[in-house]
């Protein structure tokens, strides 16, 4: 975690609520210089924060579309 001086509370197993994590990410993106251009290292290589967020948004939109299609097909 970036040392920004703001405290976010996690339990001892580093499990945390999605809301707190979203708030932390939003805080970092708004307070750190060039936060969206920073590089993340993950199992498939590297990506900028901007590209990772775009990828996650795209996946979330696809999931939402699948749920809506399933509801439509099954009249739910």
PDB file of N, CA and C in Angstrom:
ATOM      1  N   UNK A   1       0.845  -1.178   0.000  1.00  0.00           N
ATOM      2  CA  UNK A   1       0.000   0.000   0.000  1.00  0.00           C
ATOM      3  C   UNK A   1       0.887   1.237   0.000  1.00  0.00           C
ATOM      4  N   UNK A   2       0.425   2.241  -0.688  1.00  0.00           N
ATOM      5  CA  UNK A   2       1.184   3.483  -0.757  1.00  0.00           C
ATOM      6  C   UNK A   2       1.142   4.195   0.592  1.00  0.00           C
ATOM      7  N   UNK A   3       2.224   4.834   0.942  1.00  0.00           N
ATOM      8  CA  UNK A   3       2.290   5.567   2.197  1.00  0.00           C
ATOM      9  C   UNK A   3       1.800   6.995   1.954  1.00  0.00           C
ATOM     10  N   UNK A   4       0.492   7.194   2.116  1.00  0.00           N
ATOM     11  CA  UNK A   4      -0.107   8.505   1.876  1.00  0.00           C
ATOM     12  C   UNK A   4      -0.515   9.193   3.169  1.00  0.00           C
ATOM     13  N   UNK A   5      -0.375   8.495   4.291  1.00  0.00           N
ATOM     14  CA  UNK A   5      -0.761   9.076   5.565  1.00  0.00           C
ATOM     15  C   UNK A   5      -2.200   8.786   5.953  1.00  0.00           C
ATOM     16  N   UNK A   6      -2.995   8.280   5.044  1.00  0.00           N
ATOM     17  CA  UNK A   6      -4.380   7.965   5.339  1.00  0.00           C
ATOM     18  C   UNK A   6      -4.453   6.516   5.807  1.00  0.00           C
ATOM     19  N   UNK A   7      -5.268   6.255   6.814  1.00  0.00           N
ATOM     20  CA  UNK A   7      -5.374   4.918   7.371  1.00  0.00           C
ATOM     21  C   UNK A   7      -6.638   4.228   6.865  1.00  0.00           C
ATOM     22  N   UNK A   8      -6.485   3.031   6.329  1.00  0.00           N
ATOM     23  CA  UNK A   8      -7.590   2.168   5.947  1.00  0.00           C
ATOM     24  C   UNK A   8      -7.455   0.908   6.772  1.00  0.00           C
ATOM     25  N   UNK A   9      -8.543   0.430   7.343  1.00  0.00           N
ATOM     26  CA  UNK A   9      -8.498  -0.686   8.276  1.00  0.00           C
ATOM     27  C   UNK A   9      -8.769  -2.007   7.561  1.00  0.00           C
ATOM     28  N   UNK A  10      -7.873  -2.971   7.761  1.00  0.00           N
ATOM     29  CA  UNK A  10      -8.016  -4.323   7.242  1.00  0.00           C
ATOM     30  C   UNK A  10      -7.919  -5.269   8.427  1.00  0.00           C
ATOM     31  N   UNK A  11      -8.532  -6.456   8.321  1.00  0.00           N
ATOM     32  CA  UNK A  11      -8.391  -7.386   9.434  1.00  0.00           C
ATOM     33  C   UNK A  11      -7.064  -8.129   9.325  1.00  0.00           C
ATOM     34  N   UNK A  12      -6.755  -8.964  10.298  1.00  0.00           N
ATOM     35  CA  UNK A  12      -5.423  -9.580  10.351  1.00  0.00           C
ATOM     36  C   UNK A  12      -5.144 -10.514   9.180  1.00  0.00           C
ATOM     37  N   UNK A  13      -6.176 -11.011   8.494  1.00  0.00           N
ATOM     38  CA  UNK A  13      -5.986 -11.890   7.343  1.00  0.00           C
ATOM     39  C   UNK A  13      -5.944 -11.116   6.024  1.00  0.00           C
ATOM     40  N   UNK A  14      -5.902  -9.794   6.102  1.00  0.00           N
ATOM     41  CA  UNK A  14      -5.905  -8.911   4.937  1.00  0.00           C
ATOM     42  C   UNK A  14      -7.176  -9.056   4.104  1.00  0.00           C
ATOM     43  N   UNK A  15      -8.229  -9.619   4.714  1.00  0.00           N
ATOM     44  CA  UNK A  15      -9.516  -9.646   4.040  1.00  0.00           C
ATOM     45  C   UNK A  15     -10.155  -8.290   4.295  1.00  0.00           C
ATOM     46  N   UNK A  16     -10.801  -7.773   3.298  1.00  0.00           N
ATOM     47  CA  UNK A  16     -11.374  -6.448   3.438  1.00  0.00           C
ATOM     48  C   UNK A  16     -12.632  -6.358   2.598  1.00  0.00           C
ATOM     49  N   UNK A  17     -13.479  -5.430   2.946  1.00  0.00           N
ATOM     50  CA  UNK A  17     -14.718  -5.291   2.196  1.00  0.00           C
ATOM     51  C   UNK A  17     -14.425  -4.639   0.859  1.00  0.00           C
ATOM     52  N   UNK A  18     -15.252  -4.957  -0.118  1.00  0.00           N
ATOM     53  CA  UNK A  18     -15.086  -4.376  -1.449  1.00  0.00           C
ATOM     54  C   UNK A  18     -15.246  -2.866  -1.399  1.00  0.00           C
ATOM     55  N   UNK A  19     -16.097  -2.376  -0.525  1.00  0.00           N
ATOM     56  CA  UNK A  19     -16.321  -0.933  -0.419  1.00  0.00           C
ATOM     57  C   UNK A  19     -15.052  -0.231   0.041  1.00  0.00           C
ATOM     58  N   UNK A  20     -14.403  -0.759   1.061  1.00  0.00           N
ATOM     59  CA  UNK A  20     -13.183  -0.137   1.565  1.00  0.00           C
ATOM     60  C   UNK A  20     -12.102  -0.161   0.491  1.00  0.00           C
ATOM     61  N   UNK A  21     -11.990  -1.282  -0.221  1.00  0.00           N
ATOM     62  CA  UNK A  21     -10.988  -1.374  -1.277  1.00  0.00           C
ATOM     63  C   UNK A  21     -11.269  -0.366  -2.388  1.00  0.00           C
ATOM     64  N   UNK A  22     -12.535  -0.238  -2.799  1.00  0.00           N
ATOM     65  CA  UNK A  22     -12.892   0.756  -3.828  1.00  0.00           C
ATOM     66  C   UNK A  22     -12.568   2.160  -3.345  1.00  0.00           C
ATOM     67  N   UNK A  23     -12.884   2.472  -2.101  1.00  0.00           N
ATOM     68  CA  UNK A  23     -12.587   3.790  -1.551  1.00  0.00           C
ATOM     69  C   UNK A  23     -11.083   4.041  -1.537  1.00  0.00           C
ATOM     70  N   UNK A  24     -10.299   3.025  -1.177  1.00  0.00           N
ATOM     71  CA  UNK A  24      -8.851   3.156  -1.134  1.00  0.00           C
ATOM     72  C   UNK A  24      -8.286   3.399  -2.539  1.00  0.00           C
ATOM     73  N   UNK A  25      -8.759   2.635  -3.511  1.00  0.00           N
ATOM     74  CA  UNK A  25      -8.292   2.813  -4.889  1.00  0.00           C
ATOM     75  C   UNK A  25      -8.667   4.196  -5.401  1.00  0.00           C
ATOM     76  N   UNK A  26      -9.900   4.621  -5.148  1.00  0.00           N
ATOM     77  CA  UNK A  26     -10.325   5.956  -5.583  1.00  0.00           C
ATOM     78  C   UNK A  26      -9.481   7.037  -4.911  1.00  0.00           C
ATOM     79  N   UNK A  27      -9.186   6.855  -3.629  1.00  0.00           N
ATOM     80  CA  UNK A  27      -8.354   7.820  -2.917  1.00  0.00           C
ATOM     81  C   UNK A  27      -6.961   7.894  -3.534  1.00  0.00           C
ATOM     82  N   UNK A  28      -6.346   6.738  -3.787  1.00  0.00           N
ATOM     83  CA  UNK A  28      -5.005   6.717  -4.367  1.00  0.00           C
ATOM     84  C   UNK A  28      -4.991   7.361  -5.752  1.00  0.00           C
ATOM     85  N   UNK A  29      -5.984   7.050  -6.568  1.00  0.00           N
ATOM     86  CA  UNK A  29      -6.029   7.611  -7.923  1.00  0.00           C
ATOM     87  C   UNK A  29      -6.185   9.126  -7.900  1.00  0.00           C
ATOM     88  N   UNK A  30      -6.851   9.638  -6.891  1.00  0.00           N
ATOM     89  CA  UNK A  30      -7.058  11.088  -6.831  1.00  0.00           C
ATOM     90  C   UNK A  30      -5.936  11.825  -6.108  1.00  0.00           C
ATOM     91  N   UNK A  31      -5.130  11.113  -5.312  1.00  0.00           N
ATOM     92  CA  UNK A  31      -4.131  11.821  -4.504  1.00  0.00           C
ATOM     93  C   UNK A  31      -2.684  11.605  -4.947  1.00  0.00           C
ATOM     94  N   UNK A  32      -2.393  10.524  -5.634  1.00  0.00           N
ATOM     95  CA  UNK A  32      -1.019  10.262  -6.055  1.00  0.00           C
ATOM     96  C   UNK A  32      -0.766  10.848  -7.439  1.00  0.00           C
ATOM     97  N   UNK A  33       0.390  11.464  -7.604  1.00  0.00           N
ATOM     98  CA  UNK A  33       0.742  12.017  -8.914  1.00  0.00           C
ATOM     99  C   UNK A  33       0.853  10.901  -9.945  1.00  0.00           C
ATOM    100  N   UNK A  34       0.289  11.153 -11.098  1.00  0.00           N
ATOM    101  CA  UNK A  34       0.346  10.214 -12.225  1.00  0.00           C
ATOM    102  C   UNK A  34      -0.066   8.804 -11.806  1.00  0.00           C
ATOM    103  N   UNK A  35      -1.068   8.717 -10.959  1.00  0.00           N
ATOM    104  CA  UNK A  35      -1.469   7.415 -10.412  1.00  0.00           C
ATOM    105  C   UNK A  35      -1.924   6.449 -11.500  1.00  0.00           C
ATOM    106  N   UNK A  36      -2.594   6.940 -12.526  1.00  0.00           N
ATOM    107  CA  UNK A  36      -3.095   6.039 -13.560  1.00  0.00           C
ATOM    108  C   UNK A  36      -1.999   5.542 -14.487  1.00  0.00           C
ATOM    109  N   UNK A  37      -0.848   6.199 -14.466  1.00  0.00           N
ATOM    110  CA  UNK A  37       0.271   5.784 -15.313  1.00  0.00           C
ATOM    111  C   UNK A  37       1.257   4.864 -14.593  1.00  0.00           C
ATOM    112  N   UNK A  38       1.017   4.595 -13.326  1.00  0.00           N
ATOM    113  CA  UNK A  38       1.910   3.699 -12.583  1.00  0.00           C
ATOM    114  C   UNK A  38       1.758   2.275 -13.104  1.00  0.00           C
ATOM    115  N   UNK A  39       2.779   1.489 -12.949  1.00  0.00           N
ATOM    116  CA  UNK A  39       2.803   0.136 -13.511  1.00  0.00           C
ATOM    117  C   UNK A  39       2.502  -0.893 -12.422  1.00  0.00           C
ATOM    118  N   UNK A  40       1.599  -1.813 -12.756  1.00  0.00           N
ATOM    119  CA  UNK A  40       1.272  -2.945 -11.891  1.00  0.00           C
ATOM    120  C   UNK A  40       1.967  -4.175 -12.449  1.00  0.00           C
ATOM    121  N   UNK A  41       2.438  -5.036 -11.579  1.00  0.00           N
ATOM    122  CA  UNK A  41       3.020  -6.307 -12.001  1.00  0.00           C
ATOM    123  C   UNK A  41       2.059  -7.401 -11.548  1.00  0.00           C
ATOM    124  N   UNK A  42       1.659  -8.252 -12.486  1.00  0.00           N
ATOM    125  CA  UNK A  42       0.726  -9.330 -12.178  1.00  0.00           C
ATOM    126  C   UNK A  42       1.198 -10.609 -12.847  1.00  0.00           C
ATOM    127  N   UNK A  43       0.429 -11.693 -12.707  1.00  0.00           N
ATOM    128  CA  UNK A  43       0.886 -12.998 -13.194  1.00  0.00           C
ATOM    129  C   UNK A  43       1.123 -13.036 -14.692  1.00  0.00           C
ATOM    130  N   UNK A  44       0.482 -12.156 -15.466  1.00  0.00           N
ATOM    131  CA  UNK A  44       0.653 -12.165 -16.914  1.00  0.00           C
ATOM    132  C   UNK A  44       1.632 -11.104 -17.408  1.00  0.00           C
ATOM    133  N   UNK A  45       2.268 -10.376 -16.525  1.00  0.00           N
ATOM    134  CA  UNK A  45       3.233  -9.365 -16.929  1.00  0.00           C
ATOM    135  C   UNK A  45       2.997  -8.041 -16.232  1.00  0.00           C
ATOM    136  N   UNK A  46       2.994  -6.973 -17.024  1.00  0.00           N
ATOM    137  CA  UNK A  46       2.837  -5.630 -16.464  1.00  0.00           C
ATOM    138  C   UNK A  46       1.698  -4.907 -17.170  1.00  0.00           C
ATOM    139  N   UNK A  47       1.114  -3.951 -16.469  1.00  0.00           N
ATOM    140  CA  UNK A  47       0.068  -3.103 -17.040  1.00  0.00           C
ATOM    141  C   UNK A  47       0.030  -1.803 -16.255  1.00  0.00           C
ATOM    142  N   UNK A  48      -0.400  -0.737 -16.895  1.00  0.00           N
ATOM    143  CA  UNK A  48      -0.597   0.502 -16.152  1.00  0.00           C
ATOM    144  C   UNK A  48      -1.885   0.386 -15.354  1.00  0.00           C
ATOM    145  N   UNK A  49      -2.009   1.190 -14.335  1.00  0.00           N
ATOM    146  CA  UNK A  49      -3.239   1.222 -13.545  1.00  0.00           C
ATOM    147  C   UNK A  49      -4.409   1.561 -14.458  1.00  0.00           C
ATOM    148  N   UNK A  50      -4.206   2.511 -15.368  1.00  0.00           N
ATOM    149  CA  UNK A  50      -5.259   2.911 -16.312  1.00  0.00           C
ATOM    150  C   UNK A  50      -5.755   1.707 -17.121  1.00  0.00           C
ATOM    151  N   UNK A  51      -4.831   0.934 -17.692  1.00  0.00           N
ATOM    152  CA  UNK A  51      -5.209  -0.227 -18.497  1.00  0.00           C
ATOM    153  C   UNK A  51      -5.882  -1.306 -17.651  1.00  0.00           C
ATOM    154  N   UNK A  52      -5.399  -1.504 -16.431  1.00  0.00           N
ATOM    155  CA  UNK A  52      -6.007  -2.494 -15.546  1.00  0.00           C
ATOM    156  C   UNK A  52      -7.440  -2.101 -15.191  1.00  0.00           C
ATOM    157  N   UNK A  53      -7.666  -0.820 -14.919  1.00  0.00           N
ATOM    158  CA  UNK A  53      -9.022  -0.360 -14.616  1.00  0.00           C
ATOM    159  C   UNK A  53      -9.936  -0.510 -15.828  1.00  0.00           C
ATOM    160  N   UNK A  54      -9.436  -0.165 -17.013  1.00  0.00           N
ATOM    161  CA  UNK A  54     -10.232  -0.335 -18.243  1.00  0.00           C
ATOM    162  C   UNK A  54     -10.601  -1.807 -18.436  1.00  0.00           C
ATOM    163  N   UNK A  55      -9.637  -2.695 -18.207  1.00  0.00           N
ATOM    164  CA  UNK A  55      -9.873  -4.125 -18.344  1.00  0.00           C
ATOM    165  C   UNK A  55     -10.950  -4.592 -17.358  1.00  0.00           C
ATOM    166  N   UNK A  56     -10.843  -4.150 -16.109  1.00  0.00           N
ATOM    167  CA  UNK A  56     -11.834  -4.543 -15.092  1.00  0.00           C
ATOM    168  C   UNK A  56     -13.213  -3.986 -15.407  1.00  0.00           C
ATOM    169  N   UNK A  57     -13.275  -2.761 -15.905  1.00  0.00           N
ATOM    170  CA  UNK A  57     -14.564  -2.164 -16.277  1.00  0.00           C
ATOM    171  C   UNK A  57     -15.179  -2.940 -17.429  1.00  0.00           C
ATOM    172  N   UNK A  58     -14.362  -3.305 -18.417  1.00  0.00           N
ATOM    173  CA  UNK A  58     -14.845  -4.084 -19.557  1.00  0.00           C
ATOM    174  C   UNK A  58     -15.411  -5.426 -19.089  1.00  0.00           C
ATOM    175  N   UNK A  59     -14.678  -6.124 -18.204  1.00  0.00           N
ATOM    176  CA  UNK A  59     -15.156  -7.405 -17.678  1.00  0.00           C
ATOM    177  C   UNK A  59     -16.452  -7.245 -16.892  1.00  0.00           C
ATOM    178  N   UNK A  60     -16.549  -6.189 -16.096  1.00  0.00           N
ATOM    179  CA  UNK A  60     -17.770  -5.943 -15.317  1.00  0.00           C
ATOM    180  C   UNK A  60     -18.955  -5.677 -16.240  1.00  0.00           C
ATOM    181  N   UNK A  61     -18.724  -4.914 -17.312  1.00  0.00           N
ATOM    182  CA  UNK A  61     -19.804  -4.645 -18.264  1.00  0.00           C
ATOM    183  C   UNK A  61     -20.245  -5.909 -18.986  1.00  0.00           C
ATOM    184  N   UNK A  62     -19.308  -6.769 -19.349  1.00  0.00           N
ATOM    185  CA  UNK A  62     -19.666  -8.041 -19.986  1.00  0.00           C
ATOM    186  C   UNK A  62     -20.487  -8.901 -19.035  1.00  0.00           C
ATOM    187  N   UNK A  63     -20.086  -8.956 -17.769  1.00  0.00           N
ATOM    188  CA  UNK A  63     -20.827  -9.727 -16.778  1.00  0.00           C
ATOM    189  C   UNK A  63     -22.239  -9.181 -16.619  1.00  0.00           C
ATOM    190  N   UNK A  64     -22.364  -7.856 -16.530  1.00  0.00           N
ATOM    191  CA  UNK A  64     -23.680  -7.230 -16.394  1.00  0.00           C
ATOM    192  C   UNK A  64     -24.557  -7.573 -17.596  1.00  0.00           C
ATOM    193  N   UNK A  65     -23.988  -7.498 -18.801  1.00  0.00           N
ATOM    194  CA  UNK A  65     -24.737  -7.827 -20.010  1.00  0.00           C
ATOM    195  C   UNK A  65     -25.192  -9.281 -20.007  1.00  0.00           C
ATOM    196  N   UNK A  66     -24.353 -10.191 -19.528  1.00  0.00           N
ATOM    197  CA  UNK A  66     -24.725 -11.605 -19.451  1.00  0.00           C
ATOM    198  C   UNK A  66     -25.875 -11.815 -18.471  1.00  0.00           C
ATOM    199  N   UNK A  67     -25.825 -11.129 -17.341  1.00  0.00           N
ATOM    200  CA  UNK A  67     -26.903 -11.240 -16.350  1.00  0.00           C
ATOM    201  C   UNK A  67     -28.213 -10.724 -16.947  1.00  0.00           C
ATOM    202  N   UNK A  68     -28.166  -9.570 -17.615  1.00  0.00           N
ATOM    203  CA  UNK A  68     -29.374  -9.010 -18.220  1.00  0.00           C
ATOM    204  C   UNK A  68     -29.930  -9.919 -19.313  1.00  0.00           C
ATOM    205  N   UNK A  69     -29.052 -10.517 -20.110  1.00  0.00           N
ATOM    206  CA  UNK A  69     -29.499 -11.430 -21.159  1.00  0.00           C
ATOM    207  C   UNK A  69     -30.148 -12.679 -20.560  1.00  0.00           C
ATOM    208  N   UNK A  70     -29.537 -13.214 -19.505  1.00  0.00           N
ATOM    209  CA  UNK A  70     -30.103 -14.385 -18.833  1.00  0.00           C
ATOM    210  C   UNK A  70     -31.472 -14.063 -18.259  1.00  0.00           C
ATOM    211  N   UNK A  71     -31.614 -12.899 -17.652  1.00  0.00           N
ATOM    212  CA  UNK A  71     -32.913 -12.491 -17.113  1.00  0.00           C
ATOM    213  C   UNK A  71     -33.951 -12.366 -18.224  1.00  0.00           C
ATOM    214  N   UNK A  72     -33.535 -11.792 -19.354  1.00  0.00           N
ATOM    215  CA  UNK A  72     -34.457 -11.609 -20.477  1.00  0.00           C
ATOM    216  C   UNK A  72     -34.900 -12.961 -21.028  1.00  0.00           C
ATOM    217  N   UNK A  73     -33.959 -13.864 -21.249  1.00  0.00           N
ATOM    218  CA  UNK A  73     -34.258 -15.182 -21.820  1.00  0.00           C
ATOM    219  C   UNK A  73     -35.174 -15.979 -20.904  1.00  0.00           C
ATOM    220  N   UNK A  74     -34.949 -15.891 -19.611  1.00  0.00           N
ATOM    221  CA  UNK A  74     -35.723 -16.677 -18.642  1.00  0.00           C
ATOM    222  C   UNK A  74     -36.877 -15.904 -18.021  1.00  0.00           C
ATOM    223  N   UNK A  75     -37.147 -14.714 -18.579  1.00  0.00           N
ATOM    224  CA  UNK A  75     -38.272 -13.881 -18.116  1.00  0.00           C
ATOM    225  C   UNK A  75     -38.214 -13.628 -16.618  1.00  0.00           C
ATOM    226  N   UNK A  76     -37.040 -13.265 -16.146  1.00  0.00           N
ATOM    227  CA  UNK A  76     -36.865 -12.982 -14.711  1.00  0.00           C
ATOM    228  C   UNK A  76     -36.884 -11.503 -14.455  1.00  0.00           C
TER     229      UNK A  76
END
